[in-house]
Amino acid sequence: MLITAASARSAALEHLAGHARRDALPPYMRTCQCHERGCGWHPRHRGCAGPIRLLLARERGGRLWRLADACTACASATTQAAVVPETFLREAMASPNSTSRRRKRRLRGPGDQIQVREMLSYLASALPSHTGAAARLLAVQCALRMDSQGQVRLPVGVLRSLRLARDPLPWSELEQARWLHRTPPAPGSADRTVVAQILDDVLFAQRPARPDRRRAADWALRATKDGYTVTDDPPLRLTALCLAAYTDSSTGRGRTEMDRTERECGLAPAALFSVLDRLATSLISWSVALASGDLYWELLPKGDQRQRAADRSDASARSD
């Protein structure tokens, strides 16, 4: 039997996800294991702080994987690592005799924004670092829209919203990464829906129900369209999605670690700075705190984003 690097990675992640569910501790018993070991898993930073997260880290080129609780500050400072979505832990702590089993009632999963944020974090670890922005946007939609068997059907309307209706390169990138496999259309078929099989076994353990995940996928589409309809630039659209996923909707302000944004967008620091400068139709301001490495920003309200985009489009048309 041929074992590829991608299938081995998926098997390792699935094995660790099983440990996360079986060995889950109540929140009050979880502590920062990185701090207990002298914070030797990452470069020095400003100190332990923030809620406890379950961190999946890779060392020695993937030969060693570590699953451990870490505070938010230590998790952010650890390279080649991703936070395990809290949805895995909530499912692990559920009682087999819980009311959800007795009532046959579907419980709502986490909010759309949280699901997209967790998926971006997971894909930053699951996909090769050189994966392009268009392929990452496509992977978010595929992962959130797949069924229980790992099959995903993307209508042409979704691909048009992604600006990928005629671009085969993102699909080829994901296939080369052994993350999915497209199903050839039936001979003579007029169906323009693209069908693919997800090969990442870890995604089969997603706990939010499919309607919740599809709603999150629609949220991701809207987040990349509001204020950005004049551009087909995948890095700009992916960065817009990352910012939206980490923005407080009540204030329009957001903060996250700079290196996290770089990993989730697949961009080098200089390229990310350039993209942020070009998000002029949506950002009031952005800045990086050199001492902490945190990225801060403030978004325009949605109506102002659309008006600014329209003004820029009119100005461009007059100059032509």
C-alpha atoms as a PDB file:
ATOM      1  CA  MET A   1       0.000   0.000   0.000  1.00  0.00           C
ATOM      2  CA  LEU A   2       1.342   3.416  -1.010  1.00  0.00           C
ATOM      3  CA  ILE A   3       1.356   5.947   1.842  1.00  0.00           C
ATOM      4  CA  THR A   4       1.762   9.560   0.743  1.00  0.00           C
ATOM      5  CA  ALA A   5       2.982  12.383   2.910  1.00  0.00           C
ATOM      6  CA  ALA A   6      -0.492  13.935   2.854  1.00  0.00           C
ATOM      7  CA  SER A   7      -2.250  10.735   3.924  1.00  0.00           C
ATOM      8  CA  ALA A   8       0.313  10.216   6.699  1.00  0.00           C
ATOM      9  CA  ARG A   9      -0.287  13.777   7.877  1.00  0.00           C
ATOM     10  CA  SER A  10      -4.061  13.236   7.876  1.00  0.00           C
ATOM     11  CA  ALA A  11      -3.695   9.963   9.796  1.00  0.00           C
ATOM     12  CA  ALA A  12      -1.505  11.652  12.399  1.00  0.00           C
ATOM     13  CA  LEU A  13      -3.927  14.530  12.827  1.00  0.00           C
ATOM     14  CA  GLU A  14      -6.888  12.147  13.096  1.00  0.00           C
ATOM     15  CA  HIS A  15      -5.043  10.142  15.767  1.00  0.00           C
ATOM     16  CA  LEU A  16      -4.300  13.287  17.765  1.00  0.00           C
ATOM     17  CA  ALA A  17      -7.885  14.506  17.375  1.00  0.00           C
ATOM     18  CA  GLY A  18      -9.011  11.219  18.940  1.00  0.00           C
ATOM     19  CA  HIS A  19      -6.796  11.913  21.955  1.00  0.00           C
ATOM     20  CA  ALA A  20      -8.247  15.422  22.188  1.00  0.00           C
ATOM     21  CA  ARG A  21     -11.778  14.034  22.422  1.00  0.00           C
ATOM     22  CA  ARG A  22     -11.029  11.084  24.725  1.00  0.00           C
ATOM     23  CA  ASP A  23      -8.689  12.885  27.143  1.00  0.00           C
ATOM     24  CA  ALA A  24     -10.497  16.214  27.365  1.00  0.00           C
ATOM     25  CA  LEU A  25     -10.401  17.888  30.787  1.00  0.00           C
ATOM     26  CA  PRO A  26     -12.966  20.223  32.320  1.00  0.00           C
ATOM     27  CA  PRO A  27     -12.042  23.901  31.709  1.00  0.00           C
ATOM     28  CA  TYR A  28     -11.179  24.568  35.377  1.00  0.00           C
ATOM     29  CA  MET A  29      -8.524  21.805  35.339  1.00  0.00           C
ATOM     30  CA  ARG A  30      -6.690  22.957  32.203  1.00  0.00           C
ATOM     31  CA  THR A  31      -3.362  24.786  32.663  1.00  0.00           C
ATOM     32  CA  CYS A  32      -0.620  26.039  30.362  1.00  0.00           C
ATOM     33  CA  GLN A  33       1.630  22.995  29.934  1.00  0.00           C
ATOM     34  CA  CYS A  34       4.112  25.108  28.003  1.00  0.00           C
ATOM     35  CA  HIS A  35       4.591  27.394  31.027  1.00  0.00           C
ATOM     36  CA  GLU A  36       4.975  24.364  33.326  1.00  0.00           C
ATOM     37  CA  ARG A  37       7.927  23.225  31.157  1.00  0.00           C
ATOM     38  CA  GLY A  38       9.661  26.594  31.242  1.00  0.00           C
ATOM     39  CA  CYS A  39       8.191  27.859  27.953  1.00  0.00           C
ATOM     40  CA  GLY A  40      10.810  25.945  25.958  1.00  0.00           C
ATOM     41  CA  TRP A  41       8.529  25.277  22.992  1.00  0.00           C
ATOM     42  CA  HIS A  42       8.760  28.773  21.539  1.00  0.00           C
ATOM     43  CA  PRO A  43      10.955  31.914  21.444  1.00  0.00           C
ATOM     44  CA  ARG A  44      10.738  34.308  24.367  1.00  0.00           C
ATOM     45  CA  HIS A  45       7.656  36.528  24.487  1.00  0.00           C
ATOM     46  CA  ARG A  46       5.969  38.939  26.851  1.00  0.00           C
ATOM     47  CA  GLY A  47       4.633  36.302  29.264  1.00  0.00           C
ATOM     48  CA  CYS A  48       1.772  33.851  29.692  1.00  0.00           C
ATOM     49  CA  ALA A  49      -1.671  35.371  29.217  1.00  0.00           C
ATOM     50  CA  GLY A  50      -5.107  34.653  27.818  1.00  0.00           C
ATOM     51  CA  PRO A  51      -7.474  31.676  27.805  1.00  0.00           C
ATOM     52  CA  ILE A  52      -6.154  28.122  27.660  1.00  0.00           C
ATOM     53  CA  ARG A  53      -6.156  26.597  24.160  1.00  0.00           C
ATOM     54  CA  LEU A  54      -5.462  23.093  22.893  1.00  0.00           C
ATOM     55  CA  LEU A  55      -2.418  23.447  20.645  1.00  0.00           C
ATOM     56  CA  LEU A  56      -1.301  21.057  17.927  1.00  0.00           C
ATOM     57  CA  ALA A  57       2.389  21.598  17.105  1.00  0.00           C
ATOM     58  CA  ARG A  58       4.720  19.971  14.600  1.00  0.00           C
ATOM     59  CA  GLU A  59       8.463  19.494  15.029  1.00  0.00           C
ATOM     60  CA  ARG A  60      11.318  17.833  13.126  1.00  0.00           C
ATOM     61  CA  GLY A  61       9.575  18.168   9.774  1.00  0.00           C
ATOM     62  CA  GLY A  62       6.452  16.320  10.911  1.00  0.00           C
ATOM     63  CA  ARG A  63       8.198  13.393  12.603  1.00  0.00           C
ATOM     64  CA  LEU A  64       7.057  14.647  16.001  1.00  0.00           C
ATOM     65  CA  TRP A  65       3.594  15.979  16.843  1.00  0.00           C
ATOM     66  CA  ARG A  66       2.612  17.466  20.177  1.00  0.00           C
ATOM     67  CA  LEU A  67      -0.901  18.023  21.534  1.00  0.00           C
ATOM     68  CA  ALA A  68      -0.935  20.119  24.698  1.00  0.00           C
ATOM     69  CA  ASP A  69      -2.821  22.851  26.511  1.00  0.00           C
ATOM     70  CA  ALA A  70      -1.214  26.282  26.233  1.00  0.00           C
ATOM     71  CA  CYS A  71      -2.251  29.811  27.091  1.00  0.00           C
ATOM     72  CA  THR A  72      -3.144  32.104  24.212  1.00  0.00           C
ATOM     73  CA  ALA A  73       0.186  33.955  24.412  1.00  0.00           C
ATOM     74  CA  CYS A  74       2.277  30.753  24.270  1.00  0.00           C
ATOM     75  CA  ALA A  75       0.087  29.337  21.490  1.00  0.00           C
ATOM     76  CA  SER A  76       0.626  32.483  19.425  1.00  0.00           C
ATOM     77  CA  ALA A  77       4.406  32.356  19.886  1.00  0.00           C
ATOM     78  CA  THR A  78       4.731  28.681  18.900  1.00  0.00           C
ATOM     79  CA  THR A  79       5.747  28.147  15.280  1.00  0.00           C
ATOM     80  CA  GLN A  80       4.337  25.380  13.054  1.00  0.00           C
ATOM     81  CA  ALA A  81       1.313  25.064  15.309  1.00  0.00           C
ATOM     82  CA  ALA A  82      -2.459  25.490  15.126  1.00  0.00           C
ATOM     83  CA  VAL A  83      -5.138  25.790  17.778  1.00  0.00           C
ATOM     84  CA  VAL A  84      -7.524  22.818  17.824  1.00  0.00           C
ATOM     85  CA  PRO A  85     -11.085  24.144  17.307  1.00  0.00           C
ATOM     86  CA  GLU A  86     -13.085  24.282  20.519  1.00  0.00           C
ATOM     87  CA  THR A  87     -15.889  22.403  18.750  1.00  0.00           C
ATOM     88  CA  PHE A  88     -13.850  19.195  19.144  1.00  0.00           C
ATOM     89  CA  LEU A  89     -13.594  19.751  22.891  1.00  0.00           C
ATOM     90  CA  ARG A  90     -17.258  20.610  23.373  1.00  0.00           C
ATOM     91  CA  GLU A  91     -18.221  17.340  21.702  1.00  0.00           C
ATOM     92  CA  ALA A  92     -15.720  15.416  23.831  1.00  0.00           C
ATOM     93  CA  MET A  93     -17.187  16.760  27.082  1.00  0.00           C
ATOM     94  CA  ALA A  94     -20.793  15.950  26.109  1.00  0.00           C
ATOM     95  CA  SER A  95     -22.381  13.163  28.146  1.00  0.00           C
ATOM     96  CA  PRO A  96     -23.579  10.090  26.226  1.00  0.00           C
ATOM     97  CA  ASN A  97     -26.854  10.434  28.162  1.00  0.00           C
ATOM     98  CA  SER A  98     -27.223  14.130  27.411  1.00  0.00           C
ATOM     99  CA  THR A  99     -30.510  15.719  26.431  1.00  0.00           C
ATOM    100  CA  SER A 100     -29.266  16.072  22.845  1.00  0.00           C
ATOM    101  CA  ARG A 101     -29.447  12.279  22.532  1.00  0.00           C
ATOM    102  CA  ARG A 102     -32.841  11.920  24.206  1.00  0.00           C
ATOM    103  CA  ARG A 103     -34.664  14.697  22.381  1.00  0.00           C
ATOM    104  CA  LYS A 104     -33.391  14.026  18.862  1.00  0.00           C
ATOM    105  CA  ARG A 105     -32.969  17.790  18.550  1.00  0.00           C
ATOM    106  CA  ARG A 106     -30.180  19.334  16.511  1.00  0.00           C
ATOM    107  CA  LEU A 107     -28.165  21.795  18.586  1.00  0.00           C
ATOM    108  CA  ARG A 108     -26.787  24.902  16.975  1.00  0.00           C
ATOM    109  CA  GLY A 109     -23.043  24.883  16.488  1.00  0.00           C
ATOM    110  CA  PRO A 110     -20.685  27.806  17.104  1.00  0.00           C
ATOM    111  CA  GLY A 111     -21.265  31.051  15.236  1.00  0.00           C
ATOM    112  CA  ASP A 112     -20.380  31.489  11.584  1.00  0.00           C
ATOM    113  CA  GLN A 113     -17.461  33.784  12.332  1.00  0.00           C
ATOM    114  CA  ILE A 114     -15.978  31.348  14.864  1.00  0.00           C
ATOM    115  CA  GLN A 115     -16.287  28.397  12.485  1.00  0.00           C
ATOM    116  CA  VAL A 116     -14.510  30.282   9.697  1.00  0.00           C
ATOM    117  CA  ARG A 117     -11.812  31.443  12.106  1.00  0.00           C
ATOM    118  CA  GLU A 118     -11.203  27.878  13.297  1.00  0.00           C
ATOM    119  CA  MET A 119     -11.138  26.555   9.728  1.00  0.00           C
ATOM    120  CA  LEU A 120      -8.571  29.159   8.645  1.00  0.00           C
ATOM    121  CA  SER A 121      -6.405  28.174  11.610  1.00  0.00           C
ATOM    122  CA  TYR A 122      -6.694  24.468  10.807  1.00  0.00           C
ATOM    123  CA  LEU A 123      -5.944  24.884   7.096  1.00  0.00           C
ATOM    124  CA  ALA A 124      -2.838  26.923   7.949  1.00  0.00           C
ATOM    125  CA  SER A 125      -1.450  23.716   9.468  1.00  0.00           C
ATOM    126  CA  ALA A 126      -3.020  21.135   7.139  1.00  0.00           C
ATOM    127  CA  LEU A 127      -2.033  22.699   3.802  1.00  0.00           C
ATOM    128  CA  PRO A 128       1.553  23.191   2.568  1.00  0.00           C
ATOM    129  CA  SER A 129       2.911  26.639   3.364  1.00  0.00           C
ATOM    130  CA  HIS A 130       3.316  27.466  -0.345  1.00  0.00           C
ATOM    131  CA  THR A 131      -0.405  26.945  -1.076  1.00  0.00           C
ATOM    132  CA  GLY A 132      -1.755  30.001  -2.881  1.00  0.00           C
ATOM    133  CA  ALA A 133      -4.492  32.331  -1.658  1.00  0.00           C
ATOM    134  CA  ALA A 134      -7.009  31.185  -4.280  1.00  0.00           C
ATOM    135  CA  ALA A 135      -6.538  27.544  -3.258  1.00  0.00           C
ATOM    136  CA  ARG A 136      -6.979  28.472   0.417  1.00  0.00           C
ATOM    137  CA  LEU A 137     -10.231  30.325  -0.334  1.00  0.00           C
ATOM    138  CA  LEU A 138     -11.427  27.272  -2.219  1.00  0.00           C
ATOM    139  CA  ALA A 139     -10.365  24.933   0.595  1.00  0.00           C
ATOM    140  CA  VAL A 140     -12.422  26.917   3.146  1.00  0.00           C
ATOM    141  CA  GLN A 141     -15.547  26.462   1.025  1.00  0.00           C
ATOM    142  CA  CYS A 142     -14.886  22.773   0.360  1.00  0.00           C
ATOM    143  CA  ALA A 143     -14.184  21.961   4.008  1.00  0.00           C
ATOM    144  CA  LEU A 144     -17.316  23.722   5.264  1.00  0.00           C
ATOM    145  CA  ARG A 145     -19.625  22.354   2.539  1.00  0.00           C
ATOM    146  CA  MET A 146     -18.536  18.697   2.503  1.00  0.00           C
ATOM    147  CA  ASP A 147     -21.014  15.972   3.509  1.00  0.00           C
ATOM    148  CA  SER A 148     -20.476  13.160   6.022  1.00  0.00           C
ATOM    149  CA  GLN A 149     -18.696  11.075   3.364  1.00  0.00           C
ATOM    150  CA  GLY A 150     -16.248  13.831   2.501  1.00  0.00           C
ATOM    151  CA  GLN A 151     -17.869  14.695  -0.824  1.00  0.00           C
ATOM    152  CA  VAL A 152     -18.376  18.308  -1.802  1.00  0.00           C
ATOM    153  CA  ARG A 153     -20.419  19.748  -4.657  1.00  0.00           C
ATOM    154  CA  LEU A 154     -19.645  23.366  -5.528  1.00  0.00           C
ATOM    155  CA  PRO A 155     -22.190  25.026  -7.846  1.00  0.00           C
ATOM    156  CA  VAL A 156     -20.928  27.414 -10.456  1.00  0.00           C
ATOM    157  CA  GLY A 157     -22.514  30.283  -8.497  1.00  0.00           C
ATOM    158  CA  VAL A 158     -20.216  29.665  -5.536  1.00  0.00           C
ATOM    159  CA  LEU A 159     -17.182  29.501  -7.817  1.00  0.00           C
ATOM    160  CA  ARG A 160     -18.211  32.776  -9.457  1.00  0.00           C
ATOM    161  CA  SER A 161     -18.468  34.409  -6.041  1.00  0.00           C
ATOM    162  CA  LEU A 162     -14.931  33.191  -5.353  1.00  0.00           C
ATOM    163  CA  ARG A 163     -13.806  34.571  -8.759  1.00  0.00           C
ATOM    164  CA  LEU A 164     -12.629  31.031  -9.586  1.00  0.00           C
ATOM    165  CA  ALA A 165     -15.230  29.829 -12.098  1.00  0.00           C
ATOM    166  CA  ARG A 166     -12.666  29.510 -14.905  1.00  0.00           C
ATOM    167  CA  ASP A 167      -9.452  28.986 -12.974  1.00  0.00           C
ATOM    168  CA  PRO A 168      -8.272  25.345 -12.703  1.00  0.00           C
ATOM    169  CA  LEU A 169      -5.044  26.222 -10.840  1.00  0.00           C
ATOM    170  CA  PRO A 170      -6.490  26.282  -7.274  1.00  0.00           C
ATOM    171  CA  TRP A 171      -8.022  22.846  -7.809  1.00  0.00           C
ATOM    172  CA  SER A 172      -4.689  21.551  -9.141  1.00  0.00           C
ATOM    173  CA  GLU A 173      -2.847  22.926  -6.091  1.00  0.00           C
ATOM    174  CA  LEU A 174      -5.178  21.126  -3.672  1.00  0.00           C
ATOM    175  CA  GLU A 175      -4.906  17.914  -5.678  1.00  0.00           C
ATOM    176  CA  GLN A 176      -1.113  18.098  -5.719  1.00  0.00           C
ATOM    177  CA  ALA A 177      -1.213  18.556  -1.937  1.00  0.00           C
ATOM    178  CA  ARG A 178      -3.296  15.332  -1.754  1.00  0.00           C
ATOM    179  CA  TRP A 179      -5.998  17.313   0.064  1.00  0.00           C
ATOM    180  CA  LEU A 180      -8.831  16.541  -2.351  1.00  0.00           C
ATOM    181  CA  HIS A 181      -9.537  14.782  -5.634  1.00  0.00           C
ATOM    182  CA  ARG A 182     -11.932  16.044  -8.295  1.00  0.00           C
ATOM    183  CA  THR A 183     -14.489  13.621  -9.717  1.00  0.00           C
ATOM    184  CA  PRO A 184     -14.599  13.761 -13.548  1.00  0.00           C
ATOM    185  CA  PRO A 185     -18.024  14.818 -14.885  1.00  0.00           C
ATOM    186  CA  ALA A 186     -20.165  12.177 -16.525  1.00  0.00           C
ATOM    187  CA  PRO A 187     -19.813  12.036 -20.328  1.00  0.00           C
ATOM    188  CA  GLY A 188     -22.273  14.405 -21.971  1.00  0.00           C
ATOM    189  CA  SER A 189     -23.327  15.899 -18.631  1.00  0.00           C
ATOM    190  CA  ALA A 190     -24.526  19.508 -18.705  1.00  0.00           C
ATOM    191  CA  ASP A 191     -24.174  19.882 -14.922  1.00  0.00           C
ATOM    192  CA  ARG A 192     -21.669  22.670 -14.214  1.00  0.00           C
ATOM    193  CA  THR A 193     -21.298  21.708 -10.552  1.00  0.00           C
ATOM    194  CA  VAL A 194     -17.760  20.659  -9.578  1.00  0.00           C
ATOM    195  CA  VAL A 195     -17.693  17.464  -7.492  1.00  0.00           C
ATOM    196  CA  ALA A 196     -14.677  16.571  -5.351  1.00  0.00           C
ATOM    197  CA  GLN A 197     -13.721  14.096  -2.638  1.00  0.00           C
ATOM    198  CA  ILE A 198     -11.955  15.465   0.438  1.00  0.00           C
ATOM    199  CA  LEU A 199      -8.911  13.338   1.359  1.00  0.00           C
ATOM    200  CA  ASP A 200      -8.199  15.040   4.701  1.00  0.00           C
ATOM    201  CA  ASP A 201      -9.613  12.489   7.163  1.00  0.00           C
ATOM    202  CA  VAL A 202      -9.463  14.888  10.108  1.00  0.00           C
ATOM    203  CA  LEU A 203     -12.269  16.978   8.606  1.00  0.00           C
ATOM    204  CA  PHE A 204     -14.615  13.985   8.898  1.00  0.00           C
ATOM    205  CA  ALA A 205     -14.648  14.610  12.663  1.00  0.00           C
ATOM    206  CA  GLN A 206     -16.190  18.083  12.324  1.00  0.00           C
ATOM    207  CA  ARG A 207     -18.912  18.426  14.931  1.00  0.00           C
ATOM    208  CA  PRO A 208     -21.040  21.333  13.724  1.00  0.00           C
ATOM    209  CA  ALA A 209     -23.965  19.958  11.713  1.00  0.00           C
ATOM    210  CA  ARG A 210     -23.812  20.414   7.971  1.00  0.00           C
ATOM    211  CA  PRO A 211     -26.457  23.201   7.848  1.00  0.00           C
ATOM    212  CA  ASP A 212     -24.366  25.183  10.355  1.00  0.00           C
ATOM    213  CA  ARG A 213     -21.216  24.649   8.311  1.00  0.00           C
ATOM    214  CA  ARG A 214     -22.941  25.661   5.075  1.00  0.00           C
ATOM    215  CA  ARG A 215     -24.163  28.834   6.757  1.00  0.00           C
ATOM    216  CA  ALA A 216     -20.575  29.571   7.841  1.00  0.00           C
ATOM    217  CA  ALA A 217     -19.404  28.981   4.249  1.00  0.00           C
ATOM    218  CA  ASP A 218     -21.982  31.534   3.039  1.00  0.00           C
ATOM    219  CA  TRP A 219     -20.728  33.973   5.698  1.00  0.00           C
ATOM    220  CA  ALA A 220     -17.205  33.542   4.332  1.00  0.00           C
ATOM    221  CA  LEU A 221     -18.425  34.344   0.812  1.00  0.00           C
ATOM    222  CA  ARG A 222     -20.133  37.518   2.000  1.00  0.00           C
ATOM    223  CA  ALA A 223     -17.079  38.555   4.018  1.00  0.00           C
ATOM    224  CA  THR A 224     -14.924  38.503   0.875  1.00  0.00           C
ATOM    225  CA  LYS A 225     -17.514  40.381  -1.215  1.00  0.00           C
ATOM    226  CA  ASP A 226     -18.455  43.316   1.011  1.00  0.00           C
ATOM    227  CA  GLY A 227     -16.411  46.246  -0.228  1.00  0.00           C
ATOM    228  CA  TYR A 228     -14.180  44.113  -2.457  1.00  0.00           C
ATOM    229  CA  THR A 229     -16.414  43.479  -5.486  1.00  0.00           C
ATOM    230  CA  VAL A 230     -14.079  45.426  -7.779  1.00  0.00           C
ATOM    231  CA  THR A 231     -11.135  43.085  -7.291  1.00  0.00           C
ATOM    232  CA  ASP A 232     -10.272  39.592  -8.424  1.00  0.00           C
ATOM    233  CA  ASP A 233      -7.062  39.515  -6.378  1.00  0.00           C
ATOM    234  CA  PRO A 234      -7.081  36.287  -4.261  1.00  0.00           C
ATOM    235  CA  PRO A 235      -4.499  37.469  -1.654  1.00  0.00           C
ATOM    236  CA  LEU A 236      -6.539  40.605  -1.039  1.00  0.00           C
ATOM    237  CA  ARG A 237      -9.784  38.625  -0.721  1.00  0.00           C
ATOM    238  CA  LEU A 238      -8.231  36.022   1.584  1.00  0.00           C
ATOM    239  CA  THR A 239      -6.726  38.719   3.806  1.00  0.00           C
ATOM    240  CA  ALA A 240     -10.120  40.427   3.924  1.00  0.00           C
ATOM    241  CA  LEU A 241     -11.663  37.147   5.087  1.00  0.00           C
ATOM    242  CA  CYS A 242      -9.009  36.683   7.794  1.00  0.00           C
ATOM    243  CA  LEU A 243      -9.554  40.210   9.098  1.00  0.00           C
ATOM    244  CA  ALA A 244     -13.330  39.752   9.106  1.00  0.00           C
ATOM    245  CA  ALA A 245     -12.999  36.468  11.009  1.00  0.00           C
ATOM    246  CA  TYR A 246     -11.063  38.194  13.813  1.00  0.00           C
ATOM    247  CA  THR A 247     -13.004  41.481  13.923  1.00  0.00           C
ATOM    248  CA  ASP A 248     -15.309  42.411  16.790  1.00  0.00           C
ATOM    249  CA  SER A 249     -18.585  43.072  14.971  1.00  0.00           C
ATOM    250  CA  SER A 250     -19.740  45.547  17.633  1.00  0.00           C
ATOM    251  CA  THR A 251     -16.716  47.857  17.300  1.00  0.00           C
ATOM    252  CA  GLY A 252     -15.216  47.066  13.900  1.00  0.00           C
ATOM    253  CA  ARG A 253     -11.837  46.599  15.550  1.00  0.00           C
ATOM    254  CA  GLY A 254      -9.670  43.505  15.483  1.00  0.00           C
ATOM    255  CA  ARG A 255      -6.398  42.117  16.797  1.00  0.00           C
ATOM    256  CA  THR A 256      -4.453  38.969  16.136  1.00  0.00           C
ATOM    257  CA  GLU A 257      -0.856  37.811  15.996  1.00  0.00           C
ATOM    258  CA  MET A 258       1.017  38.947  12.897  1.00  0.00           C
ATOM    259  CA  ASP A 259       2.601  35.532  12.304  1.00  0.00           C
ATOM    260  CA  ARG A 260      -0.820  33.856  12.569  1.00  0.00           C
ATOM    261  CA  THR A 261      -2.199  36.128   9.835  1.00  0.00           C
ATOM    262  CA  GLU A 262       0.835  35.400   7.661  1.00  0.00           C
ATOM    263  CA  ARG A 263       0.331  31.632   8.012  1.00  0.00           C
ATOM    264  CA  GLU A 264      -3.409  31.743   7.381  1.00  0.00           C
ATOM    265  CA  CYS A 265      -2.963  33.966   4.312  1.00  0.00           C
ATOM    266  CA  GLY A 266       0.147  32.158   3.043  1.00  0.00           C
ATOM    267  CA  LEU A 267       2.000  35.483   2.744  1.00  0.00           C
ATOM    268  CA  ALA A 268       5.431  36.758   3.705  1.00  0.00           C
ATOM    269  CA  PRO A 269       5.475  39.862   5.961  1.00  0.00           C
ATOM    270  CA  ALA A 270       6.312  42.294   3.157  1.00  0.00           C
ATOM    271  CA  ALA A 271       3.558  40.865   0.950  1.00  0.00           C
ATOM    272  CA  LEU A 272       1.026  41.081   3.787  1.00  0.00           C
ATOM    273  CA  PHE A 273       1.918  44.750   4.433  1.00  0.00           C
ATOM    274  CA  SER A 274       1.353  45.468   0.742  1.00  0.00           C
ATOM    275  CA  VAL A 275      -2.044  43.762   0.789  1.00  0.00           C
ATOM    276  CA  LEU A 276      -3.116  45.674   3.911  1.00  0.00           C
ATOM    277  CA  ASP A 277      -2.178  48.949   2.224  1.00  0.00           C
ATOM    278  CA  ARG A 278      -4.350  47.982  -0.752  1.00  0.00           C
ATOM    279  CA  LEU A 279      -7.413  47.287   1.418  1.00  0.00           C
ATOM    280  CA  ALA A 280      -8.169  50.993   1.218  1.00  0.00           C
ATOM    281  CA  THR A 281     -11.884  50.424   0.528  1.00  0.00           C
ATOM    282  CA  SER A 282     -12.441  48.702   3.873  1.00  0.00           C
ATOM    283  CA  LEU A 283      -9.813  49.695   6.438  1.00  0.00           C
ATOM    284  CA  ILE A 284      -9.805  52.872   8.487  1.00  0.00           C
ATOM    285  CA  SER A 285      -6.359  52.003   9.794  1.00  0.00           C
ATOM    286  CA  TRP A 286      -3.965  49.160  10.568  1.00  0.00           C
ATOM    287  CA  SER A 287      -0.771  48.908  12.592  1.00  0.00           C
ATOM    288  CA  VAL A 288       1.693  46.396  14.035  1.00  0.00           C
ATOM    289  CA  ALA A 289       2.957  46.549  17.628  1.00  0.00           C
ATOM    290  CA  LEU A 290       6.663  45.801  17.281  1.00  0.00           C
ATOM    291  CA  ALA A 291       7.075  44.740  20.923  1.00  0.00           C
ATOM    292  CA  SER A 292       4.361  42.064  20.807  1.00  0.00           C
ATOM    293  CA  GLY A 293       4.095  41.296  17.100  1.00  0.00           C
ATOM    294  CA  ASP A 294       0.330  41.906  17.191  1.00  0.00           C
ATOM    295  CA  LEU A 295      -1.582  43.238  14.203  1.00  0.00           C
ATOM    296  CA  TYR A 296      -4.340  45.792  14.935  1.00  0.00           C
ATOM    297  CA  TRP A 297      -6.944  47.178  12.528  1.00  0.00           C
ATOM    298  CA  GLU A 298     -10.275  48.965  12.311  1.00  0.00           C
ATOM    299  CA  LEU A 299     -12.808  48.292   9.557  1.00  0.00           C
ATOM    300  CA  LEU A 300     -15.168  50.761   7.947  1.00  0.00           C
ATOM    301  CA  PRO A 301     -18.903  50.059   8.383  1.00  0.00           C
ATOM    302  CA  LYS A 302     -20.318  47.963   5.534  1.00  0.00           C
ATOM    303  CA  GLY A 303     -22.193  50.858   3.891  1.00  0.00           C
ATOM    304  CA  ASP A 304     -19.079  53.050   3.934  1.00  0.00           C
ATOM    305  CA  GLN A 305     -17.043  50.201   2.429  1.00  0.00           C
ATOM    306  CA  ARG A 306     -19.412  49.916  -0.522  1.00  0.00           C
ATOM    307  CA  GLN A 307     -19.527  53.694  -1.035  1.00  0.00           C
ATOM    308  CA  ARG A 308     -15.736  53.974  -0.949  1.00  0.00           C
ATOM    309  CA  ALA A 309     -15.420  51.061  -3.398  1.00  0.00           C
ATOM    310  CA  ALA A 310     -17.913  52.753  -5.744  1.00  0.00           C
ATOM    311  CA  ASP A 311     -16.064  56.075  -5.507  1.00  0.00           C
ATOM    312  CA  ARG A 312     -12.758  54.420  -6.327  1.00  0.00           C
ATOM    313  CA  SER A 313     -14.357  52.577  -9.258  1.00  0.00           C
ATOM    314  CA  ASP A 314     -15.828  55.853 -10.625  1.00  0.00           C
ATOM    315  CA  ALA A 315     -12.486  57.612 -10.231  1.00  0.00           C
ATOM    316  CA  SER A 316     -10.735  54.802 -12.095  1.00  0.00           C
ATOM    317  CA  ALA A 317     -13.296  54.963 -14.925  1.00  0.00           C
ATOM    318  CA  ARG A 318     -12.874  58.754 -15.283  1.00  0.00           C
ATOM    319  CA  SER A 319      -9.094  58.431 -15.433  1.00  0.00           C
ATOM    320  CA  ASP A 320      -9.428  55.898 -18.267  1.00  0.00           C
END
